[in-house]
Structure formats: structure tokens, C-alpha cells
Amino acid sequence: MSDLIAIVYPTEAKAEEVRQRLIDLQKEYLITLADAVIATRDDNGKVRLNQMLHTTAAGALSGSFWGLLVGVIFLNPLLGVAVGAASGAVGGALTDVGINDDFMKQLAAKLTPGSAALFVLVREMTADKVLKEISGYGGEVLQSSLDETKEKVLRDALQSATNPA
């Protein structure tokens, strides 16, 4: 099972920089990425996805996941009932990876024009080494399906880069 991590950055360029660093870390066998997608919102409110994988056989399946996620989060005007509106298995699957109403409201509010959300599906990682590598980029973790201890370590590492002591 993959873990979902969503991190908001002030710019798409910063999110892309982090994604490229994660790809480099994958080449060093420190992380195994299932996918990494950047979502941005333009001045008209339109959400655009920048996917790591091309829409081939593997990418098509991945694309449907991201399309569903973005559709539920950003295209549903009644965010409070977004997960409830998703039918049966879809709603259950989103809830299983931590996609709930609070997450959707928070992400919709944080993804302002010009900012970017980096969604990463992680199959496995050497957490301490990966966190050390990406903590210097800042960002705000909005959601993850990591256990509480790992999520707190990630949040603290990113927060320390944003607000140095």
C-alpha cells in the first residue's frame, strides 16, 4: 500500500524542485515513488495537473486517481459533502488514504493562485534520510497517510525550514 503525502509550496517552481529531488532520491534507492503530481490553480480558479508519468498504460491508471482526487476536491462546490457525494467504493477508497472533508477544505483554501500542491504516492522510503533531504525546501504538509509519529517528524522538518529558530 502506498502512503499519500500532500505538501503545499508557495510556487510551482518550488514544488517541481522538490519533486525532482525526490526523483533523484529514488535513483539512490532512498524512496520508491508510485507517482508525484503537482496541482496548481490559476487566477480564474482552474486547477491544472503536472504529472510525473505520461498517460500510457501505467499513467492512465494513475491519471484516473489524480483526476478523481482533483475532481472531488476542487470541482465540487459543496466541499462539506464532497466525500459523502462520492459513491460507495470511491468514497471508501478516498477515506482509506486519508482524503476526508477536512483535508479537502484545507487544501482548497491553501491552493491559492500561484501556489502549488505536491501530491506524492510513496511505496516505501528511508524516512530519516528523505526528510533530511527535503526539509530545506519548506512547504506545509496538509495530509498524509503516514502514522502519527512519521507525520509529525515530516511536519516538524518542513516547519523548521519555513521558520528557522
N, C-alpha and C. Protein backbone atom coordinates (compact mmCIF):
# COMPACT_ATOMS: atom_id res chain seq x y z
N MET A 1 0.84 -1.19 0.00
CA MET A 1 0.00 0.00 0.00
C MET A 1 0.88 1.24 0.00
N SER A 2 0.48 2.24 -0.73
CA SER A 2 1.22 3.50 -0.80
C SER A 2 0.70 4.49 0.22
N ASP A 3 1.59 5.36 0.66
CA ASP A 3 1.20 6.47 1.52
C ASP A 3 1.01 7.71 0.67
N LEU A 4 0.01 8.50 0.98
CA LEU A 4 -0.24 9.75 0.28
C LEU A 4 0.24 10.90 1.14
N ILE A 5 1.06 11.75 0.55
CA ILE A 5 1.54 12.95 1.24
C ILE A 5 1.23 14.13 0.33
N ALA A 6 0.63 15.18 0.89
CA ALA A 6 0.35 16.41 0.14
C ALA A 6 1.09 17.55 0.83
N ILE A 7 1.90 18.27 0.08
CA ILE A 7 2.66 19.40 0.62
C ILE A 7 2.41 20.61 -0.26
N VAL A 8 2.03 21.74 0.35
CA VAL A 8 1.78 22.97 -0.40
C VAL A 8 3.03 23.84 -0.36
N TYR A 9 3.40 24.34 -1.53
CA TYR A 9 4.55 25.24 -1.68
C TYR A 9 4.07 26.57 -2.25
N PRO A 10 4.83 27.64 -2.01
CA PRO A 10 4.39 28.96 -2.48
C PRO A 10 4.38 29.10 -4.00
N THR A 11 5.18 28.28 -4.70
CA THR A 11 5.24 28.37 -6.16
C THR A 11 5.30 26.98 -6.79
N GLU A 12 4.91 26.91 -8.05
CA GLU A 12 5.02 25.66 -8.79
C GLU A 12 6.49 25.29 -8.97
N ALA A 13 7.34 26.29 -9.16
CA ALA A 13 8.77 26.02 -9.34
C ALA A 13 9.36 25.33 -8.12
N LYS A 14 8.97 25.75 -6.93
CA LYS A 14 9.47 25.13 -5.70
C LYS A 14 8.96 23.69 -5.60
N ALA A 15 7.69 23.46 -5.91
CA ALA A 15 7.14 22.10 -5.88
C ALA A 15 7.86 21.20 -6.88
N GLU A 16 8.16 21.74 -8.06
CA GLU A 16 8.88 20.97 -9.08
C GLU A 16 10.30 20.66 -8.62
N GLU A 17 10.93 21.60 -7.95
CA GLU A 17 12.28 21.39 -7.42
C GLU A 17 12.28 20.22 -6.42
N VAL A 18 11.29 20.19 -5.56
CA VAL A 18 11.18 19.10 -4.57
C VAL A 18 10.89 17.78 -5.27
N ARG A 19 9.99 17.81 -6.26
CA ARG A 19 9.69 16.57 -6.99
C ARG A 19 10.94 16.03 -7.66
N GLN A 20 11.73 16.90 -8.28
CA GLN A 20 12.96 16.45 -8.93
C GLN A 20 13.94 15.87 -7.91
N ARG A 21 13.99 16.48 -6.72
CA ARG A 21 14.86 15.95 -5.67
C ARG A 21 14.39 14.56 -5.23
N LEU A 22 13.08 14.37 -5.13
CA LEU A 22 12.54 13.05 -4.78
C LEU A 22 12.88 12.01 -5.85
N ILE A 23 12.83 12.42 -7.12
CA ILE A 23 13.19 11.51 -8.21
C ILE A 23 14.67 11.13 -8.09
N ASP A 24 15.51 12.11 -7.76
CA ASP A 24 16.94 11.82 -7.54
C ASP A 24 17.13 10.85 -6.38
N LEU A 25 16.37 11.05 -5.30
CA LEU A 25 16.46 10.17 -4.14
C LEU A 25 15.99 8.75 -4.48
N GLN A 26 15.07 8.66 -5.42
CA GLN A 26 14.62 7.35 -5.87
C GLN A 26 15.77 6.62 -6.58
N LYS A 27 16.55 7.37 -7.36
CA LYS A 27 17.71 6.77 -8.04
C LYS A 27 18.76 6.30 -7.04
N GLU A 28 18.74 6.89 -5.85
CA GLU A 28 19.67 6.50 -4.78
C GLU A 28 19.05 5.41 -3.88
N TYR A 29 17.88 4.92 -4.26
CA TYR A 29 17.16 3.86 -3.54
C TYR A 29 16.76 4.26 -2.13
N LEU A 30 16.48 5.54 -1.91
CA LEU A 30 16.04 6.01 -0.61
C LEU A 30 14.52 6.13 -0.54
N ILE A 31 13.87 6.14 -1.71
CA ILE A 31 12.42 6.25 -1.77
C ILE A 31 11.94 5.53 -3.02
N THR A 32 10.75 4.96 -2.93
CA THR A 32 10.11 4.37 -4.11
C THR A 32 8.81 5.12 -4.32
N LEU A 33 8.76 5.88 -5.41
CA LEU A 33 7.58 6.69 -5.72
C LEU A 33 6.62 5.90 -6.61
N ALA A 34 5.36 5.90 -6.23
CA ALA A 34 4.34 5.37 -7.12
C ALA A 34 3.98 6.46 -8.13
N ASP A 35 3.98 7.71 -7.68
CA ASP A 35 3.69 8.85 -8.54
C ASP A 35 3.92 10.13 -7.76
N ALA A 36 4.11 11.21 -8.46
CA ALA A 36 4.24 12.53 -7.85
C ALA A 36 3.63 13.54 -8.80
N VAL A 37 2.57 14.21 -8.36
CA VAL A 37 1.81 15.12 -9.20
C VAL A 37 1.76 16.49 -8.54
N ILE A 38 1.90 17.53 -9.36
CA ILE A 38 1.80 18.90 -8.87
C ILE A 38 0.47 19.48 -9.36
N ALA A 39 -0.30 20.04 -8.43
CA ALA A 39 -1.56 20.71 -8.78
C ALA A 39 -1.37 22.20 -8.56
N THR A 40 -1.80 22.99 -9.53
CA THR A 40 -1.75 24.45 -9.42
C THR A 40 -3.12 25.01 -9.73
N ARG A 41 -3.37 26.21 -9.26
CA ARG A 41 -4.63 26.89 -9.54
C ARG A 41 -4.29 28.23 -10.19
N ASP A 42 -4.93 28.53 -11.34
CA ASP A 42 -4.66 29.80 -12.00
C ASP A 42 -5.57 30.90 -11.44
N ASP A 43 -5.42 32.11 -11.96
CA ASP A 43 -6.18 33.26 -11.46
C ASP A 43 -7.69 33.11 -11.67
N ASN A 44 -8.08 32.27 -12.63
CA ASN A 44 -9.50 32.03 -12.89
C ASN A 44 -10.06 30.88 -12.06
N GLY A 45 -9.23 30.28 -11.21
CA GLY A 45 -9.68 29.19 -10.37
C GLY A 45 -9.54 27.81 -11.00
N LYS A 46 -9.04 27.75 -12.24
CA LYS A 46 -8.88 26.46 -12.91
C LYS A 46 -7.67 25.72 -12.34
N VAL A 47 -7.87 24.44 -12.04
CA VAL A 47 -6.81 23.61 -11.49
C VAL A 47 -6.15 22.82 -12.62
N ARG A 48 -4.82 22.81 -12.60
CA ARG A 48 -4.05 22.11 -13.63
C ARG A 48 -3.14 21.10 -12.94
N LEU A 49 -3.02 19.91 -13.54
CA LEU A 49 -2.14 18.87 -13.01
C LEU A 49 -0.90 18.75 -13.87
N ASN A 50 0.24 18.63 -13.22
CA ASN A 50 1.51 18.39 -13.88
C ASN A 50 1.96 17.02 -13.38
N GLN A 51 1.74 16.00 -14.22
CA GLN A 51 2.01 14.62 -13.81
C GLN A 51 3.42 14.18 -14.13
N MET A 52 3.94 13.32 -13.27
CA MET A 52 5.28 12.77 -13.47
C MET A 52 5.26 11.72 -14.57
N LEU A 53 4.22 10.90 -14.59
CA LEU A 53 4.10 9.83 -15.58
C LEU A 53 3.27 10.30 -16.76
N HIS A 54 3.65 9.83 -17.94
CA HIS A 54 2.84 10.14 -19.11
C HIS A 54 1.64 9.21 -19.12
N THR A 55 0.60 9.61 -19.81
CA THR A 55 -0.62 8.81 -19.85
C THR A 55 -0.43 7.63 -20.79
N THR A 56 0.33 6.65 -20.32
CA THR A 56 0.48 5.37 -21.01
C THR A 56 -0.33 4.38 -20.20
N ALA A 57 -0.08 3.10 -20.37
CA ALA A 57 -0.85 2.11 -19.61
C ALA A 57 -0.74 2.36 -18.11
N ALA A 58 0.47 2.53 -17.59
CA ALA A 58 0.64 2.79 -16.15
C ALA A 58 0.12 4.17 -15.80
N GLY A 59 0.39 5.14 -16.65
CA GLY A 59 -0.02 6.50 -16.38
C GLY A 59 -1.52 6.71 -16.44
N ALA A 60 -2.20 5.91 -17.24
CA ALA A 60 -3.66 6.06 -17.35
C ALA A 60 -4.33 5.72 -16.03
N LEU A 61 -3.88 4.66 -15.39
CA LEU A 61 -4.44 4.29 -14.09
C LEU A 61 -4.13 5.37 -13.07
N SER A 62 -2.90 5.85 -13.07
CA SER A 62 -2.50 6.91 -12.17
C SER A 62 -3.30 8.18 -12.45
N GLY A 63 -3.47 8.49 -13.73
CA GLY A 63 -4.22 9.68 -14.11
C GLY A 63 -5.65 9.66 -13.62
N SER A 64 -6.26 8.48 -13.63
CA SER A 64 -7.64 8.40 -13.15
C SER A 64 -7.70 8.66 -11.65
N PHE A 65 -6.70 8.22 -10.90
CA PHE A 65 -6.65 8.51 -9.46
C PHE A 65 -6.56 10.01 -9.23
N TRP A 66 -5.61 10.67 -9.91
CA TRP A 66 -5.43 12.11 -9.71
C TRP A 66 -6.63 12.88 -10.22
N GLY A 67 -7.22 12.44 -11.33
CA GLY A 67 -8.41 13.11 -11.84
C GLY A 67 -9.55 13.03 -10.84
N LEU A 68 -9.72 11.87 -10.22
CA LEU A 68 -10.76 11.70 -9.21
C LEU A 68 -10.47 12.60 -8.01
N LEU A 69 -9.24 12.58 -7.54
CA LEU A 69 -8.87 13.38 -6.38
C LEU A 69 -9.12 14.86 -6.63
N VAL A 70 -8.64 15.37 -7.75
CA VAL A 70 -8.81 16.79 -8.06
C VAL A 70 -10.28 17.11 -8.28
N GLY A 71 -10.99 16.23 -8.96
CA GLY A 71 -12.41 16.46 -9.19
C GLY A 71 -13.19 16.57 -7.90
N VAL A 72 -12.94 15.66 -6.98
CA VAL A 72 -13.66 15.67 -5.71
C VAL A 72 -13.27 16.90 -4.89
N ILE A 73 -11.98 17.25 -4.88
CA ILE A 73 -11.53 18.36 -4.04
C ILE A 73 -11.92 19.72 -4.62
N PHE A 74 -11.63 19.94 -5.89
CA PHE A 74 -11.75 21.29 -6.43
C PHE A 74 -13.00 21.56 -7.25
N LEU A 75 -13.61 20.56 -7.80
CA LEU A 75 -14.73 20.81 -8.69
C LEU A 75 -16.08 20.69 -7.99
N ASN A 76 -16.10 20.21 -6.78
CA ASN A 76 -17.34 20.08 -6.03
C ASN A 76 -17.54 21.36 -5.22
N PRO A 77 -18.55 22.17 -5.55
CA PRO A 77 -18.73 23.44 -4.84
C PRO A 77 -19.16 23.26 -3.39
N LEU A 78 -19.69 22.10 -3.04
CA LEU A 78 -20.11 21.86 -1.66
C LEU A 78 -19.10 20.96 -0.99
N LEU A 79 -17.95 21.54 -0.64
CA LEU A 79 -16.87 20.73 -0.09
C LEU A 79 -17.28 19.94 1.14
N GLY A 80 -18.21 20.46 1.90
CA GLY A 80 -18.61 19.77 3.12
C GLY A 80 -19.25 18.43 2.87
N VAL A 81 -19.76 18.21 1.66
CA VAL A 81 -20.39 16.92 1.36
C VAL A 81 -19.65 16.19 0.25
N ALA A 82 -18.42 16.60 -0.02
CA ALA A 82 -17.68 16.02 -1.14
C ALA A 82 -17.47 14.52 -1.01
N VAL A 83 -16.97 14.06 0.12
CA VAL A 83 -16.74 12.63 0.27
C VAL A 83 -18.06 11.90 0.33
N GLY A 84 -19.04 12.48 1.01
CA GLY A 84 -20.35 11.85 1.08
C GLY A 84 -20.98 11.70 -0.28
N ALA A 85 -20.68 12.62 -1.18
CA ALA A 85 -21.25 12.57 -2.53
C ALA A 85 -20.57 11.51 -3.38
N ALA A 86 -19.35 11.15 -3.02
CA ALA A 86 -18.65 10.12 -3.77
C ALA A 86 -19.31 8.79 -3.44
N SER A 87 -19.60 8.02 -4.46
CA SER A 87 -20.38 6.80 -4.23
C SER A 87 -19.54 5.67 -3.67
N GLY A 88 -20.15 4.89 -2.79
CA GLY A 88 -19.66 3.63 -2.25
C GLY A 88 -18.17 3.43 -2.19
N ALA A 89 -17.65 2.60 -3.12
CA ALA A 89 -16.25 2.20 -3.10
C ALA A 89 -15.32 3.39 -3.28
N VAL A 90 -15.73 4.36 -4.10
CA VAL A 90 -14.89 5.54 -4.33
C VAL A 90 -14.73 6.32 -3.04
N GLY A 91 -15.82 6.60 -2.37
CA GLY A 91 -15.75 7.33 -1.10
C GLY A 91 -14.94 6.58 -0.07
N GLY A 92 -15.11 5.26 -0.02
CA GLY A 92 -14.34 4.44 0.92
C GLY A 92 -12.87 4.46 0.61
N ALA A 93 -12.53 4.38 -0.68
CA ALA A 93 -11.12 4.39 -1.07
C ALA A 93 -10.46 5.71 -0.72
N LEU A 94 -11.16 6.82 -0.95
CA LEU A 94 -10.59 8.13 -0.61
C LEU A 94 -10.40 8.25 0.89
N THR A 95 -11.37 7.81 1.66
CA THR A 95 -11.27 7.88 3.11
C THR A 95 -10.14 6.99 3.61
N ASP A 96 -9.93 5.84 2.99
CA ASP A 96 -8.87 4.91 3.40
C ASP A 96 -7.49 5.53 3.30
N VAL A 97 -7.26 6.41 2.33
CA VAL A 97 -5.95 7.05 2.21
C VAL A 97 -5.92 8.43 2.85
N GLY A 98 -6.93 8.75 3.64
CA GLY A 98 -6.91 9.99 4.39
C GLY A 98 -7.55 11.17 3.70
N ILE A 99 -8.29 10.94 2.62
CA ILE A 99 -8.95 12.03 1.91
C ILE A 99 -10.33 12.21 2.52
N ASN A 100 -10.46 13.15 3.44
CA ASN A 100 -11.75 13.39 4.07
C ASN A 100 -12.15 14.85 3.86
N ASP A 101 -13.32 15.22 4.37
CA ASP A 101 -13.83 16.57 4.16
C ASP A 101 -12.89 17.64 4.69
N ASP A 102 -12.30 17.42 5.87
CA ASP A 102 -11.38 18.41 6.44
C ASP A 102 -10.18 18.64 5.53
N PHE A 103 -9.62 17.54 5.01
CA PHE A 103 -8.48 17.65 4.10
C PHE A 103 -8.86 18.45 2.86
N MET A 104 -10.02 18.15 2.28
CA MET A 104 -10.44 18.83 1.06
C MET A 104 -10.65 20.32 1.29
N LYS A 105 -11.28 20.67 2.40
CA LYS A 105 -11.50 22.09 2.72
C LYS A 105 -10.17 22.81 2.91
N GLN A 106 -9.26 22.17 3.63
CA GLN A 106 -7.96 22.78 3.91
C GLN A 106 -7.16 22.97 2.62
N LEU A 107 -7.13 21.96 1.77
CA LEU A 107 -6.38 22.05 0.53
C LEU A 107 -6.98 23.09 -0.40
N ALA A 108 -8.29 23.11 -0.52
CA ALA A 108 -8.94 24.09 -1.39
C ALA A 108 -8.62 25.51 -0.93
N ALA A 109 -8.54 25.73 0.38
CA ALA A 109 -8.23 27.05 0.92
C ALA A 109 -6.76 27.41 0.72
N LYS A 110 -5.87 26.43 0.83
CA LYS A 110 -4.42 26.69 0.75
C LYS A 110 -3.93 26.82 -0.68
N LEU A 111 -4.58 26.14 -1.63
CA LEU A 111 -4.10 26.19 -3.01
C LEU A 111 -4.64 27.45 -3.68
N THR A 112 -3.94 28.53 -3.44
CA THR A 112 -4.31 29.82 -3.99
C THR A 112 -3.61 30.02 -5.33
N PRO A 113 -4.07 30.96 -6.16
CA PRO A 113 -3.39 31.20 -7.43
C PRO A 113 -1.90 31.46 -7.22
N GLY A 114 -1.08 30.75 -7.98
CA GLY A 114 0.37 30.90 -7.89
C GLY A 114 1.03 29.85 -7.01
N SER A 115 0.30 29.30 -6.06
CA SER A 115 0.89 28.27 -5.19
C SER A 115 0.72 26.90 -5.86
N ALA A 116 1.31 25.89 -5.25
CA ALA A 116 1.24 24.55 -5.82
C ALA A 116 1.18 23.51 -4.71
N ALA A 117 0.46 22.44 -4.97
CA ALA A 117 0.41 21.30 -4.04
C ALA A 117 1.11 20.13 -4.72
N LEU A 118 2.08 19.56 -4.01
CA LEU A 118 2.78 18.38 -4.49
C LEU A 118 2.17 17.17 -3.80
N PHE A 119 1.53 16.31 -4.60
CA PHE A 119 0.96 15.06 -4.09
C PHE A 119 1.94 13.95 -4.42
N VAL A 120 2.34 13.20 -3.42
CA VAL A 120 3.29 12.12 -3.62
C VAL A 120 2.69 10.83 -3.10
N LEU A 121 2.68 9.81 -3.95
CA LEU A 121 2.32 8.46 -3.52
C LEU A 121 3.63 7.71 -3.31
N VAL A 122 3.88 7.34 -2.07
CA VAL A 122 5.14 6.70 -1.70
C VAL A 122 4.89 5.23 -1.39
N ARG A 123 5.61 4.37 -2.08
CA ARG A 123 5.51 2.93 -1.79
C ARG A 123 6.34 2.58 -0.56
N GLU A 124 7.55 3.12 -0.49
CA GLU A 124 8.40 2.93 0.68
C GLU A 124 9.49 3.99 0.66
N MET A 125 10.04 4.27 1.85
CA MET A 125 11.13 5.23 1.91
C MET A 125 11.93 5.05 3.19
N THR A 126 13.17 5.50 3.12
CA THR A 126 14.02 5.60 4.30
C THR A 126 13.75 6.99 4.85
N ALA A 127 12.78 7.07 5.76
CA ALA A 127 12.19 8.34 6.17
C ALA A 127 13.21 9.36 6.67
N ASP A 128 14.12 8.96 7.55
CA ASP A 128 15.05 9.94 8.12
C ASP A 128 15.92 10.58 7.06
N LYS A 129 16.38 9.81 6.08
CA LYS A 129 17.25 10.36 5.03
C LYS A 129 16.45 11.22 4.05
N VAL A 130 15.26 10.79 3.68
CA VAL A 130 14.43 11.57 2.76
C VAL A 130 14.01 12.88 3.41
N LEU A 131 13.58 12.84 4.67
CA LEU A 131 13.16 14.06 5.37
C LEU A 131 14.31 15.05 5.47
N LYS A 132 15.50 14.56 5.73
CA LYS A 132 16.68 15.43 5.80
C LYS A 132 16.90 16.14 4.47
N GLU A 133 16.69 15.42 3.38
CA GLU A 133 16.92 15.98 2.04
C GLU A 133 15.87 17.01 1.63
N ILE A 134 14.61 16.85 2.04
CA ILE A 134 13.58 17.77 1.57
C ILE A 134 13.19 18.84 2.58
N SER A 135 13.67 18.73 3.81
CA SER A 135 13.24 19.69 4.83
C SER A 135 13.69 21.12 4.52
N GLY A 136 14.78 21.29 3.81
CA GLY A 136 15.27 22.62 3.49
C GLY A 136 14.41 23.39 2.50
N TYR A 137 13.46 22.72 1.86
CA TYR A 137 12.61 23.37 0.87
C TYR A 137 11.38 24.05 1.49
N GLY A 138 11.14 23.80 2.77
CA GLY A 138 9.95 24.37 3.40
C GLY A 138 8.71 23.62 2.96
N GLY A 139 7.62 24.34 2.84
CA GLY A 139 6.36 23.72 2.46
C GLY A 139 5.52 23.41 3.68
N GLU A 140 4.24 23.17 3.44
CA GLU A 140 3.30 22.86 4.52
C GLU A 140 2.61 21.55 4.21
N VAL A 141 2.81 20.57 5.09
CA VAL A 141 2.17 19.27 4.92
C VAL A 141 0.71 19.42 5.28
N LEU A 142 -0.17 19.05 4.35
CA LEU A 142 -1.60 19.14 4.61
C LEU A 142 -2.20 17.81 5.00
N GLN A 143 -1.69 16.74 4.46
CA GLN A 143 -2.29 15.44 4.74
C GLN A 143 -1.29 14.36 4.42
N SER A 144 -1.33 13.32 5.18
CA SER A 144 -0.57 12.14 4.82
C SER A 144 -1.24 10.94 5.45
N SER A 145 -0.97 9.79 4.89
CA SER A 145 -1.49 8.57 5.48
C SER A 145 -0.40 7.87 6.27
N LEU A 146 0.65 8.61 6.60
CA LEU A 146 1.70 8.09 7.46
C LEU A 146 1.17 7.97 8.87
N ASP A 147 1.78 7.11 9.69
CA ASP A 147 1.35 7.06 11.08
C ASP A 147 1.70 8.38 11.75
N GLU A 148 1.13 8.65 12.90
CA GLU A 148 1.27 9.95 13.56
C GLU A 148 2.71 10.33 13.83
N THR A 149 3.53 9.38 14.24
CA THR A 149 4.93 9.67 14.55
C THR A 149 5.67 10.14 13.31
N LYS A 150 5.52 9.42 12.19
CA LYS A 150 6.19 9.79 10.95
C LYS A 150 5.66 11.12 10.42
N GLU A 151 4.35 11.33 10.51
CA GLU A 151 3.77 12.58 10.02
C GLU A 151 4.30 13.76 10.83
N LYS A 152 4.40 13.62 12.15
CA LYS A 152 4.90 14.70 13.00
C LYS A 152 6.35 15.03 12.65
N VAL A 153 7.16 14.01 12.42
CA VAL A 153 8.56 14.24 12.03
C VAL A 153 8.61 15.02 10.73
N LEU A 154 7.77 14.65 9.74
CA LEU A 154 7.74 15.34 8.46
C LEU A 154 7.28 16.78 8.63
N ARG A 155 6.19 16.99 9.36
CA ARG A 155 5.69 18.34 9.59
C ARG A 155 6.73 19.21 10.29
N ASP A 156 7.38 18.67 11.33
CA ASP A 156 8.39 19.43 12.07
C ASP A 156 9.58 19.79 11.19
N ALA A 157 10.02 18.84 10.36
CA ALA A 157 11.16 19.09 9.49
C ALA A 157 10.85 20.21 8.50
N LEU A 158 9.66 20.17 7.90
CA LEU A 158 9.29 21.21 6.93
C LEU A 158 9.06 22.54 7.62
N GLN A 159 8.46 22.51 8.81
CA GLN A 159 8.21 23.75 9.55
C GLN A 159 9.51 24.43 9.94
N SER A 160 10.53 23.64 10.32
CA SER A 160 11.80 24.23 10.73
C SER A 160 12.47 24.96 9.57
N ALA A 161 12.25 24.50 8.36
CA ALA A 161 12.82 25.18 7.19
C ALA A 161 12.09 26.48 6.90
N THR A 162 10.78 26.51 7.20
CA THR A 162 9.98 27.70 6.95
C THR A 162 10.21 28.76 8.01
N ASN A 163 10.33 28.33 9.27
CA ASN A 163 10.52 29.25 10.41
C ASN A 163 11.78 28.88 11.17
N PRO A 164 12.97 29.25 10.65
CA PRO A 164 14.19 28.88 11.35
C PRO A 164 14.24 29.50 12.74
N ALA A 165 14.83 28.75 13.67
CA ALA A 165 14.89 29.20 15.08
C ALA A 165 15.85 30.34 15.27
